[in-house]
Amino acid sequence: MSMLTPPGMGGKYRITGDKFPRMRPRRRHGRLVIVVVASVAALGLIGWGTLQLIDVFTGGGKKASTAGPKADCSTRVSASPKASASASVPKPAQITVNVYNATTRSGLAKTTADELQKRGFKIGSVGNASKDFDKKVKGAGILLGPTSALNTSLPVLSTELAAAEKRTDTRKGADVDLIIGDGFTSLASKADADRALAALSGGSAAPVSSKKGC
């Protein structure tokens, strides 16, 4: 036994020569692993944040521009054909109607003109039809006006008497004629006429969403 060996100690603690036993405790490997993992996680977060900043200043603009047309396309709304055409459809108060009776029944022109006036139309001449039409109109009636009235005033007046025939002539004014024929019984009810006018002017037409191609 070496003189350096303390009394009562032997075995692996025996000191021989000039070497001394290792008395330090073992290193704690668990704590080292935790520190390493935490460091890696911190570095990962820093790297992710850096990539996000780069994306904002570079790639983010492209993504926004790609999403833009889709959002615009999904929210864009265009008017229906009826709603577009409504701009050219006049109101009854803008239409002057001449009412002529081509039948043998007296009083039809006056009573019909009075009812049209109650419904908002302006009334011009009222009386018997000219010889060109007198006792020659077999249907409910004829709506007669200038060519410019074919798609404006005449359709509006037609909502009051849908069975009437629409014709045009070479007159220079904007007035239109309602010539009452043998098949006439009465104007359309006000409720039916109002619904027909609303449909004509596009009031009942729903907007059309232009989602095609989205």
C-alpha atoms as a PDB file:
ATOM      1  CA  MET A   1       0.000   0.000   0.000  1.00  0.00           C
ATOM      2  CA  SER A   2       1.247   3.430  -0.892  1.00  0.00           C
ATOM      3  CA  MET A   3       1.951   5.894   1.816  1.00  0.00           C
ATOM      4  CA  LEU A   4      -0.489   8.212   0.054  1.00  0.00           C
ATOM      5  CA  THR A   5      -3.409   5.875   0.621  1.00  0.00           C
ATOM      6  CA  PRO A   6      -5.481   7.062   3.587  1.00  0.00           C
ATOM      7  CA  PRO A   7      -5.942   4.560   6.350  1.00  0.00           C
ATOM      8  CA  GLY A   8      -8.911   2.207   5.829  1.00  0.00           C
ATOM      9  CA  MET A   9      -9.185   2.813   2.049  1.00  0.00           C
ATOM     10  CA  GLY A  10      -8.252   0.227  -0.446  1.00  0.00           C
ATOM     11  CA  GLY A  11      -9.540  -1.340  -3.615  1.00  0.00           C
ATOM     12  CA  LYS A  12     -10.318   1.168  -6.330  1.00  0.00           C
ATOM     13  CA  TYR A  13      -9.427   4.032  -4.035  1.00  0.00           C
ATOM     14  CA  ARG A  14      -5.961   2.683  -3.524  1.00  0.00           C
ATOM     15  CA  ILE A  15      -3.378   5.168  -4.645  1.00  0.00           C
ATOM     16  CA  THR A  16      -0.308   3.860  -6.309  1.00  0.00           C
ATOM     17  CA  GLY A  17       2.517   5.794  -7.788  1.00  0.00           C
ATOM     18  CA  ASP A  18       1.846   9.461  -8.550  1.00  0.00           C
ATOM     19  CA  LYS A  19      -1.856   9.084  -9.607  1.00  0.00           C
ATOM     20  CA  PHE A  20      -4.767  10.231  -7.407  1.00  0.00           C
ATOM     21  CA  PRO A  21      -8.335   8.885  -7.426  1.00  0.00           C
ATOM     22  CA  ARG A  22     -11.040  10.901  -9.267  1.00  0.00           C
ATOM     23  CA  MET A  23     -13.274  12.332  -6.577  1.00  0.00           C
ATOM     24  CA  ARG A  24     -15.466  14.635  -8.839  1.00  0.00           C
ATOM     25  CA  PRO A  25     -19.144  13.671  -9.286  1.00  0.00           C
ATOM     26  CA  ARG A  26     -20.399  12.494 -12.677  1.00  0.00           C
ATOM     27  CA  ARG A  27     -21.624  15.084 -15.127  1.00  0.00           C
ATOM     28  CA  ARG A  28     -25.381  15.503 -15.441  1.00  0.00           C
ATOM     29  CA  HIS A  29     -26.073  14.598 -19.070  1.00  0.00           C
ATOM     30  CA  GLY A  30     -29.840  15.242 -18.764  1.00  0.00           C
ATOM     31  CA  ARG A  31     -29.382  18.951 -18.133  1.00  0.00           C
ATOM     32  CA  LEU A  32     -27.028  19.204 -21.106  1.00  0.00           C
ATOM     33  CA  VAL A  33     -29.616  17.601 -23.408  1.00  0.00           C
ATOM     34  CA  ILE A  34     -32.307  20.082 -22.288  1.00  0.00           C
ATOM     35  CA  VAL A  35     -30.017  23.017 -22.955  1.00  0.00           C
ATOM     36  CA  VAL A  36     -29.194  21.713 -26.434  1.00  0.00           C
ATOM     37  CA  VAL A  37     -32.860  21.153 -27.322  1.00  0.00           C
ATOM     38  CA  ALA A  38     -33.847  24.608 -26.088  1.00  0.00           C
ATOM     39  CA  SER A  39     -31.082  26.174 -28.148  1.00  0.00           C
ATOM     40  CA  VAL A  40     -32.179  24.352 -31.297  1.00  0.00           C
ATOM     41  CA  ALA A  41     -35.814  25.411 -30.735  1.00  0.00           C
ATOM     42  CA  ALA A  42     -34.786  29.049 -30.257  1.00  0.00           C
ATOM     43  CA  LEU A  43     -32.738  28.985 -33.443  1.00  0.00           C
ATOM     44  CA  GLY A  44     -35.685  27.449 -35.294  1.00  0.00           C
ATOM     45  CA  LEU A  45     -38.037  30.209 -34.135  1.00  0.00           C
ATOM     46  CA  ILE A  46     -35.566  32.878 -35.164  1.00  0.00           C
ATOM     47  CA  GLY A  47     -35.196  31.303 -38.602  1.00  0.00           C
ATOM     48  CA  TRP A  48     -38.986  31.025 -39.062  1.00  0.00           C
ATOM     49  CA  GLY A  49     -39.460  34.674 -38.108  1.00  0.00           C
ATOM     50  CA  THR A  50     -36.769  35.700 -40.594  1.00  0.00           C
ATOM     51  CA  LEU A  51     -38.491  33.779 -43.393  1.00  0.00           C
ATOM     52  CA  GLN A  52     -41.799  35.458 -42.583  1.00  0.00           C
ATOM     53  CA  LEU A  53     -40.229  38.906 -42.823  1.00  0.00           C
ATOM     54  CA  ILE A  54     -38.642  38.002 -46.154  1.00  0.00           C
ATOM     55  CA  ASP A  55     -42.002  36.730 -47.407  1.00  0.00           C
ATOM     56  CA  VAL A  56     -43.728  39.984 -46.434  1.00  0.00           C
ATOM     57  CA  PHE A  57     -41.261  42.116 -48.354  1.00  0.00           C
ATOM     58  CA  THR A  58     -40.932  39.816 -51.384  1.00  0.00           C
ATOM     59  CA  GLY A  59     -43.336  36.941 -51.953  1.00  0.00           C
ATOM     60  CA  GLY A  60     -46.285  38.353 -49.984  1.00  0.00           C
ATOM     61  CA  GLY A  61     -47.143  40.890 -52.670  1.00  0.00           C
ATOM     62  CA  LYS A  62     -47.517  38.160 -55.298  1.00  0.00           C
ATOM     63  CA  LYS A  63     -49.905  36.206 -53.100  1.00  0.00           C
ATOM     64  CA  ALA A  64     -52.002  39.287 -52.522  1.00  0.00           C
ATOM     65  CA  SER A  65     -52.185  40.041 -56.218  1.00  0.00           C
ATOM     66  CA  THR A  66     -53.236  36.450 -56.918  1.00  0.00           C
ATOM     67  CA  ALA A  67     -56.050  36.597 -54.391  1.00  0.00           C
ATOM     68  CA  GLY A  68     -57.222  40.009 -55.615  1.00  0.00           C
ATOM     69  CA  PRO A  69     -59.071  39.011 -58.806  1.00  0.00           C
ATOM     70  CA  LYS A  70     -60.900  36.193 -57.013  1.00  0.00           C
ATOM     71  CA  ALA A  71     -62.247  38.535 -54.366  1.00  0.00           C
ATOM     72  CA  ASP A  72     -63.176  41.095 -56.989  1.00  0.00           C
ATOM     73  CA  CYS A  73     -64.786  38.453 -59.180  1.00  0.00           C
ATOM     74  CA  SER A  74     -66.877  37.009 -56.315  1.00  0.00           C
ATOM     75  CA  THR A  75     -68.255  40.388 -55.272  1.00  0.00           C
ATOM     76  CA  ARG A  76     -68.761  42.030 -58.657  1.00  0.00           C
ATOM     77  CA  VAL A  77     -72.377  42.341 -59.555  1.00  0.00           C
ATOM     78  CA  SER A  78     -73.806  43.348 -62.976  1.00  0.00           C
ATOM     79  CA  ALA A  79     -77.311  44.488 -63.868  1.00  0.00           C
ATOM     80  CA  SER A  80     -79.667  42.105 -65.623  1.00  0.00           C
ATOM     81  CA  PRO A  81     -80.788  42.835 -69.219  1.00  0.00           C
ATOM     82  CA  LYS A  82     -84.193  43.957 -67.965  1.00  0.00           C
ATOM     83  CA  ALA A  83     -82.654  46.351 -65.463  1.00  0.00           C
ATOM     84  CA  SER A  84     -80.411  47.801 -68.181  1.00  0.00           C
ATOM     85  CA  ALA A  85     -83.343  48.226 -70.546  1.00  0.00           C
ATOM     86  CA  SER A  86     -85.393  49.958 -67.842  1.00  0.00           C
ATOM     87  CA  ALA A  87     -83.494  53.201 -68.486  1.00  0.00           C
ATOM     88  CA  SER A  88     -85.311  53.510 -71.868  1.00  0.00           C
ATOM     89  CA  VAL A  89     -88.764  52.617 -70.533  1.00  0.00           C
ATOM     90  CA  PRO A  90     -90.779  55.794 -69.853  1.00  0.00           C
ATOM     91  CA  LYS A  91     -93.197  56.212 -66.981  1.00  0.00           C
ATOM     92  CA  PRO A  92     -96.942  56.461 -67.700  1.00  0.00           C
ATOM     93  CA  ALA A  93     -96.847  60.162 -66.792  1.00  0.00           C
ATOM     94  CA  GLN A  94     -94.433  60.706 -69.703  1.00  0.00           C
ATOM     95  CA  ILE A  95     -96.788  59.164 -72.268  1.00  0.00           C
ATOM     96  CA  THR A  96     -99.684  60.981 -73.955  1.00  0.00           C
ATOM     97  CA  VAL A  97    -102.398  58.604 -75.137  1.00  0.00           C
ATOM     98  CA  ASN A  98    -105.141  59.359 -77.661  1.00  0.00           C
ATOM     99  CA  VAL A  99    -108.138  57.052 -77.140  1.00  0.00           C
ATOM    100  CA  TYR A 100    -110.402  56.229 -80.101  1.00  0.00           C
ATOM    101  CA  ASN A 101    -113.450  53.991 -80.283  1.00  0.00           C
ATOM    102  CA  ALA A 102    -113.690  51.831 -83.418  1.00  0.00           C
ATOM    103  CA  THR A 103    -116.754  49.881 -82.218  1.00  0.00           C
ATOM    104  CA  THR A 104    -120.506  50.498 -82.319  1.00  0.00           C
ATOM    105  CA  ARG A 105    -120.623  50.702 -78.520  1.00  0.00           C
ATOM    106  CA  SER A 106    -120.821  54.290 -77.370  1.00  0.00           C
ATOM    107  CA  GLY A 107    -118.874  55.710 -74.442  1.00  0.00           C
ATOM    108  CA  LEU A 108    -115.931  53.277 -74.571  1.00  0.00           C
ATOM    109  CA  ALA A 109    -113.359  55.923 -75.494  1.00  0.00           C
ATOM    110  CA  LYS A 110    -114.366  58.214 -72.625  1.00  0.00           C
ATOM    111  CA  THR A 111    -114.495  55.570 -69.884  1.00  0.00           C
ATOM    112  CA  THR A 112    -111.218  54.006 -71.054  1.00  0.00           C
ATOM    113  CA  ALA A 113    -109.464  57.379 -71.186  1.00  0.00           C
ATOM    114  CA  ASP A 114    -110.663  58.229 -67.675  1.00  0.00           C
ATOM    115  CA  GLU A 115    -109.271  54.958 -66.317  1.00  0.00           C
ATOM    116  CA  LEU A 116    -105.913  55.461 -68.050  1.00  0.00           C
ATOM    117  CA  GLN A 117    -105.720  58.938 -66.569  1.00  0.00           C
ATOM    118  CA  LYS A 118    -106.283  57.513 -63.085  1.00  0.00           C
ATOM    119  CA  ARG A 119    -103.361  55.167 -63.701  1.00  0.00           C
ATOM    120  CA  GLY A 120    -101.012  58.030 -64.473  1.00  0.00           C
ATOM    121  CA  PHE A 121    -101.146  58.423 -68.266  1.00  0.00           C
ATOM    122  CA  LYS A 122    -101.624  61.780 -69.954  1.00  0.00           C
ATOM    123  CA  ILE A 123    -104.696  61.891 -72.167  1.00  0.00           C
ATOM    124  CA  GLY A 124    -104.796  63.650 -75.526  1.00  0.00           C
ATOM    125  CA  SER A 125    -107.669  63.307 -77.984  1.00  0.00           C
ATOM    126  CA  VAL A 126    -110.724  61.194 -77.134  1.00  0.00           C
ATOM    127  CA  GLY A 127    -113.408  60.237 -79.664  1.00  0.00           C
ATOM    128  CA  ASN A 128    -114.403  57.939 -82.508  1.00  0.00           C
ATOM    129  CA  ALA A 129    -111.781  56.244 -84.670  1.00  0.00           C
ATOM    130  CA  SER A 130    -110.998  57.500 -88.177  1.00  0.00           C
ATOM    131  CA  LYS A 131    -112.554  55.799 -91.184  1.00  0.00           C
ATOM    132  CA  ASP A 132    -109.368  53.766 -91.655  1.00  0.00           C
ATOM    133  CA  PHE A 133    -110.169  51.912 -88.421  1.00  0.00           C
ATOM    134  CA  ASP A 134    -113.835  52.555 -87.649  1.00  0.00           C
ATOM    135  CA  LYS A 135    -115.652  49.201 -87.362  1.00  0.00           C
ATOM    136  CA  LYS A 136    -112.609  47.465 -88.843  1.00  0.00           C
ATOM    137  CA  VAL A 137    -110.773  46.382 -85.684  1.00  0.00           C
ATOM    138  CA  LYS A 138    -111.893  42.882 -84.748  1.00  0.00           C
ATOM    139  CA  GLY A 139    -109.471  42.268 -81.882  1.00  0.00           C
ATOM    140  CA  ALA A 140    -109.254  43.942 -78.492  1.00  0.00           C
ATOM    141  CA  GLY A 141    -107.549  46.978 -79.936  1.00  0.00           C
ATOM    142  CA  ILE A 142    -104.578  48.502 -81.725  1.00  0.00           C
ATOM    143  CA  LEU A 143    -101.742  50.461 -80.145  1.00  0.00           C
ATOM    144  CA  LEU A 144    -100.389  52.864 -82.735  1.00  0.00           C
ATOM    145  CA  GLY A 145     -97.404  55.196 -82.492  1.00  0.00           C
ATOM    146  CA  PRO A 146     -94.187  56.396 -84.158  1.00  0.00           C
ATOM    147  CA  THR A 147     -91.333  54.008 -84.822  1.00  0.00           C
ATOM    148  CA  SER A 148     -89.460  55.425 -81.827  1.00  0.00           C
ATOM    149  CA  ALA A 149     -92.304  54.254 -79.556  1.00  0.00           C
ATOM    150  CA  LEU A 150     -92.065  50.588 -80.560  1.00  0.00           C
ATOM    151  CA  ASN A 151     -89.708  49.719 -77.708  1.00  0.00           C
ATOM    152  CA  THR A 152     -90.630  52.564 -75.338  1.00  0.00           C
ATOM    153  CA  SER A 153     -94.152  53.969 -75.044  1.00  0.00           C
ATOM    154  CA  LEU A 154     -96.076  51.176 -76.768  1.00  0.00           C
ATOM    155  CA  PRO A 155     -94.836  48.385 -74.448  1.00  0.00           C
ATOM    156  CA  VAL A 156     -95.791  50.520 -71.448  1.00  0.00           C
ATOM    157  CA  LEU A 157     -99.291  51.109 -72.814  1.00  0.00           C
ATOM    158  CA  SER A 158     -99.479  47.413 -73.663  1.00  0.00           C
ATOM    159  CA  THR A 159     -99.355  46.567 -69.958  1.00  0.00           C
ATOM    160  CA  GLU A 160    -102.882  48.006 -69.763  1.00  0.00           C
ATOM    161  CA  LEU A 161    -104.195  45.975 -72.706  1.00  0.00           C
ATOM    162  CA  ALA A 162    -101.903  43.024 -73.433  1.00  0.00           C
ATOM    163  CA  ALA A 163    -104.126  41.620 -76.193  1.00  0.00           C
ATOM    164  CA  ALA A 164    -103.850  44.766 -78.297  1.00  0.00           C
ATOM    165  CA  GLU A 165    -101.827  44.735 -81.528  1.00  0.00           C
ATOM    166  CA  LYS A 166     -98.835  47.079 -81.702  1.00  0.00           C
ATOM    167  CA  ARG A 167     -98.232  49.054 -84.897  1.00  0.00           C
ATOM    168  CA  THR A 168     -96.183  52.052 -86.024  1.00  0.00           C
ATOM    169  CA  ASP A 169     -96.780  54.838 -88.518  1.00  0.00           C
ATOM    170  CA  THR A 170     -94.941  57.877 -89.872  1.00  0.00           C
ATOM    171  CA  ARG A 171     -96.249  60.493 -87.450  1.00  0.00           C
ATOM    172  CA  LYS A 172     -93.784  63.084 -86.217  1.00  0.00           C
ATOM    173  CA  GLY A 173     -95.060  63.500 -82.656  1.00  0.00           C
ATOM    174  CA  ALA A 174     -94.500  61.217 -79.667  1.00  0.00           C
ATOM    175  CA  ASP A 175     -98.193  60.649 -78.852  1.00  0.00           C
ATOM    176  CA  VAL A 176     -99.577  57.120 -79.132  1.00  0.00           C
ATOM    177  CA  ASP A 177    -103.106  55.929 -79.946  1.00  0.00           C
ATOM    178  CA  LEU A 178    -105.253  53.306 -78.292  1.00  0.00           C
ATOM    179  CA  ILE A 179    -107.885  52.253 -80.828  1.00  0.00           C
ATOM    180  CA  ILE A 180    -110.548  50.138 -79.148  1.00  0.00           C
ATOM    181  CA  GLY A 181    -111.739  47.126 -81.180  1.00  0.00           C
ATOM    182  CA  ASP A 182    -114.735  44.794 -81.106  1.00  0.00           C
ATOM    183  CA  GLY A 183    -112.941  42.277 -78.861  1.00  0.00           C
ATOM    184  CA  PHE A 184    -112.383  44.845 -76.116  1.00  0.00           C
ATOM    185  CA  THR A 185    -113.989  44.165 -72.734  1.00  0.00           C
ATOM    186  CA  SER A 186    -111.891  46.178 -70.304  1.00  0.00           C
ATOM    187  CA  LEU A 187    -108.376  47.211 -69.454  1.00  0.00           C
ATOM    188  CA  ALA A 188    -106.240  44.854 -67.383  1.00  0.00           C
ATOM    189  CA  SER A 189    -106.800  45.125 -63.656  1.00  0.00           C
ATOM    190  CA  LYS A 190    -104.593  47.728 -62.030  1.00  0.00           C
ATOM    191  CA  ALA A 191    -102.766  45.056 -60.027  1.00  0.00           C
ATOM    192  CA  ASP A 192    -101.964  43.022 -63.159  1.00  0.00           C
ATOM    193  CA  ALA A 193    -100.941  46.150 -65.061  1.00  0.00           C
ATOM    194  CA  ASP A 194     -98.644  47.251 -62.242  1.00  0.00           C
ATOM    195  CA  ARG A 195     -96.971  43.840 -62.118  1.00  0.00           C
ATOM    196  CA  ALA A 196     -96.475  43.843 -65.894  1.00  0.00           C
ATOM    197  CA  LEU A 197     -94.997  47.346 -65.766  1.00  0.00           C
ATOM    198  CA  ALA A 198     -92.630  46.387 -62.945  1.00  0.00           C
ATOM    199  CA  ALA A 199     -91.400  43.385 -64.949  1.00  0.00           C
ATOM    200  CA  LEU A 200     -90.987  45.540 -68.048  1.00  0.00           C
ATOM    201  CA  SER A 201     -88.930  48.162 -66.228  1.00  0.00           C
ATOM    202  CA  GLY A 202     -86.791  45.561 -64.476  1.00  0.00           C
ATOM    203  CA  GLY A 203     -88.184  46.208 -60.997  1.00  0.00           C
ATOM    204  CA  SER A 204     -88.714  42.499 -60.327  1.00  0.00           C
ATOM    205  CA  ALA A 205     -85.496  41.341 -61.918  1.00  0.00           C
ATOM    206  CA  ALA A 206     -82.759  40.170 -59.547  1.00  0.00           C
ATOM    207  CA  PRO A 207     -79.119  41.257 -60.098  1.00  0.00           C
ATOM    208  CA  VAL A 208     -76.924  38.743 -61.908  1.00  0.00           C
ATOM    209  CA  SER A 209     -73.672  37.838 -60.188  1.00  0.00           C
ATOM    210  CA  SER A 210     -70.783  37.635 -62.617  1.00  0.00           C
ATOM    211  CA  LYS A 211     -68.989  34.682 -61.057  1.00  0.00           C
ATOM    212  CA  LYS A 212     -68.268  32.990 -64.365  1.00  0.00           C
ATOM    213  CA  GLY A 213     -64.633  32.064 -64.596  1.00  0.00           C
ATOM    214  CA  CYS A 214     -63.938  32.470 -60.857  1.00  0.00           C
END
